[in-house]
Amino acid sequence: MQLTDLFPNERARVVAIEGGQCLCQHLALRGLAGGCILTALSGRFGPVVVRIGGETLVLGRGMAQKIQVQKV
């Protein structure tokens, strides 16, 4: 499932990022990489907001659609 499919307060593990090296590097610098656990704060419509650890990250829909997750 895509990150954009999560409802607020759902937790998920990142299983894949369907993007080039630049995108993966950009996200990793912000704490989002394969295997990390995140909590969706919002994102079914408009920008996607997630919490990773104690950090909040805002992603555009296009970028968020490239992130595959599995609910935990």
C-alpha atoms as a PDB file:
ATOM      1  CA  MET A   1       0.000   0.000   0.000  1.00  0.00           C
ATOM      2  CA  GLN A   2       1.120   3.565  -0.544  1.00  0.00           C
ATOM      3  CA  LEU A   3       1.829   6.015   2.239  1.00  0.00           C
ATOM      4  CA  THR A   4      -1.094   8.079   0.931  1.00  0.00           C
ATOM      5  CA  ASP A   5      -3.477   5.202   1.794  1.00  0.00           C
ATOM      6  CA  LEU A   6      -2.930   5.520   5.552  1.00  0.00           C
ATOM      7  CA  PHE A   7      -5.497   7.170   7.788  1.00  0.00           C
ATOM      8  CA  PRO A   8      -4.479   9.534  10.616  1.00  0.00           C
ATOM      9  CA  ASN A   9      -2.893   7.749  13.604  1.00  0.00           C
ATOM     10  CA  GLU A  10      -2.168   4.553  11.639  1.00  0.00           C
ATOM     11  CA  ARG A  11       1.341   3.178  12.086  1.00  0.00           C
ATOM     12  CA  ALA A  12       3.295   1.558   9.280  1.00  0.00           C
ATOM     13  CA  ARG A  13       6.738   0.292   8.321  1.00  0.00           C
ATOM     14  CA  VAL A  14       8.384   1.591   5.144  1.00  0.00           C
ATOM     15  CA  VAL A  15       8.949  -1.414   2.871  1.00  0.00           C
ATOM     16  CA  ALA A  16      10.105   0.316  -0.325  1.00  0.00           C
ATOM     17  CA  ILE A  17      10.754   3.698  -1.870  1.00  0.00           C
ATOM     18  CA  GLU A  18      10.110   3.752  -5.607  1.00  0.00           C
ATOM     19  CA  GLY A  19      12.428   6.532  -6.604  1.00  0.00           C
ATOM     20  CA  GLY A  20      15.928   7.271  -7.687  1.00  0.00           C
ATOM     21  CA  GLN A  21      18.980   7.662  -5.523  1.00  0.00           C
ATOM     22  CA  CYS A  22      18.367  11.393  -5.038  1.00  0.00           C
ATOM     23  CA  LEU A  23      14.863  10.828  -3.652  1.00  0.00           C
ATOM     24  CA  CYS A  24      16.005   8.018  -1.352  1.00  0.00           C
ATOM     25  CA  GLN A  25      18.902  10.133  -0.105  1.00  0.00           C
ATOM     26  CA  HIS A  26      16.651  13.168   0.404  1.00  0.00           C
ATOM     27  CA  LEU A  27      14.200  11.134   2.484  1.00  0.00           C
ATOM     28  CA  ALA A  28      16.919   9.314   4.442  1.00  0.00           C
ATOM     29  CA  LEU A  29      18.392  12.645   5.539  1.00  0.00           C
ATOM     30  CA  ARG A  30      14.990  13.415   7.043  1.00  0.00           C
ATOM     31  CA  GLY A  31      14.753  10.060   8.826  1.00  0.00           C
ATOM     32  CA  LEU A  32      12.557   8.232   6.335  1.00  0.00           C
ATOM     33  CA  ALA A  33      14.161   5.066   4.974  1.00  0.00           C
ATOM     34  CA  GLY A  34      13.330   1.420   4.413  1.00  0.00           C
ATOM     35  CA  GLY A  35      12.385  -0.348   7.634  1.00  0.00           C
ATOM     36  CA  CYS A  36      11.531   2.761   9.635  1.00  0.00           C
ATOM     37  CA  ILE A  37       8.241   2.950  11.526  1.00  0.00           C
ATOM     38  CA  LEU A  38       6.087   6.033  11.056  1.00  0.00           C
ATOM     39  CA  THR A  39       2.726   7.349  12.172  1.00  0.00           C
ATOM     40  CA  ALA A  40       0.430   9.082   9.699  1.00  0.00           C
ATOM     41  CA  LEU A  41      -0.843  12.405  11.021  1.00  0.00           C
ATOM     42  CA  SER A  42      -2.761  13.433   7.899  1.00  0.00           C
ATOM     43  CA  GLY A  43      -2.593  12.801   4.227  1.00  0.00           C
ATOM     44  CA  ARG A  44      -5.605  11.181   2.634  1.00  0.00           C
ATOM     45  CA  PHE A  45      -6.028  14.525   0.840  1.00  0.00           C
ATOM     46  CA  GLY A  46      -3.434  17.232   0.264  1.00  0.00           C
ATOM     47  CA  PRO A  47       0.087  17.055   1.701  1.00  0.00           C
ATOM     48  CA  VAL A  48       1.054  13.978   3.710  1.00  0.00           C
ATOM     49  CA  VAL A  49       2.227  14.588   7.275  1.00  0.00           C
ATOM     50  CA  VAL A  50       3.971  11.802   9.205  1.00  0.00           C
ATOM     51  CA  ARG A  51       5.807  11.457  12.498  1.00  0.00           C
ATOM     52  CA  ILE A  52       9.042   9.487  12.589  1.00  0.00           C
ATOM     53  CA  GLY A  53      10.347   9.211  16.118  1.00  0.00           C
ATOM     54  CA  GLY A  54       9.903  12.710  17.518  1.00  0.00           C
ATOM     55  CA  GLU A  55      10.154  14.462  14.146  1.00  0.00           C
ATOM     56  CA  THR A  56       7.315  15.617  11.905  1.00  0.00           C
ATOM     57  CA  LEU A  57       7.794  15.403   8.152  1.00  0.00           C
ATOM     58  CA  VAL A  58       5.564  16.961   5.478  1.00  0.00           C
ATOM     59  CA  LEU A  59       5.625  15.363   2.020  1.00  0.00           C
ATOM     60  CA  GLY A  60       3.963  16.296  -1.229  1.00  0.00           C
ATOM     61  CA  ARG A  61       1.475  13.741  -2.556  1.00  0.00           C
ATOM     62  CA  GLY A  62       3.655  12.788  -5.524  1.00  0.00           C
ATOM     63  CA  MET A  63       6.588  11.953  -3.288  1.00  0.00           C
ATOM     64  CA  ALA A  64       4.388  10.145  -0.745  1.00  0.00           C
ATOM     65  CA  GLN A  65       2.874   7.968  -3.482  1.00  0.00           C
ATOM     66  CA  LYS A  66       6.344   6.556  -4.169  1.00  0.00           C
ATOM     67  CA  ILE A  67       6.638   5.249  -0.595  1.00  0.00           C
ATOM     68  CA  GLN A  68       5.294   1.737  -0.029  1.00  0.00           C
ATOM     69  CA  VAL A  69       4.321   0.830   3.534  1.00  0.00           C
ATOM     70  CA  GLN A  70       2.882  -2.054   5.528  1.00  0.00           C
ATOM     71  CA  LYS A  71       0.653  -1.433   8.536  1.00  0.00           C
ATOM     72  CA  VAL A  72       2.051  -2.551  11.899  1.00  0.00           C
END
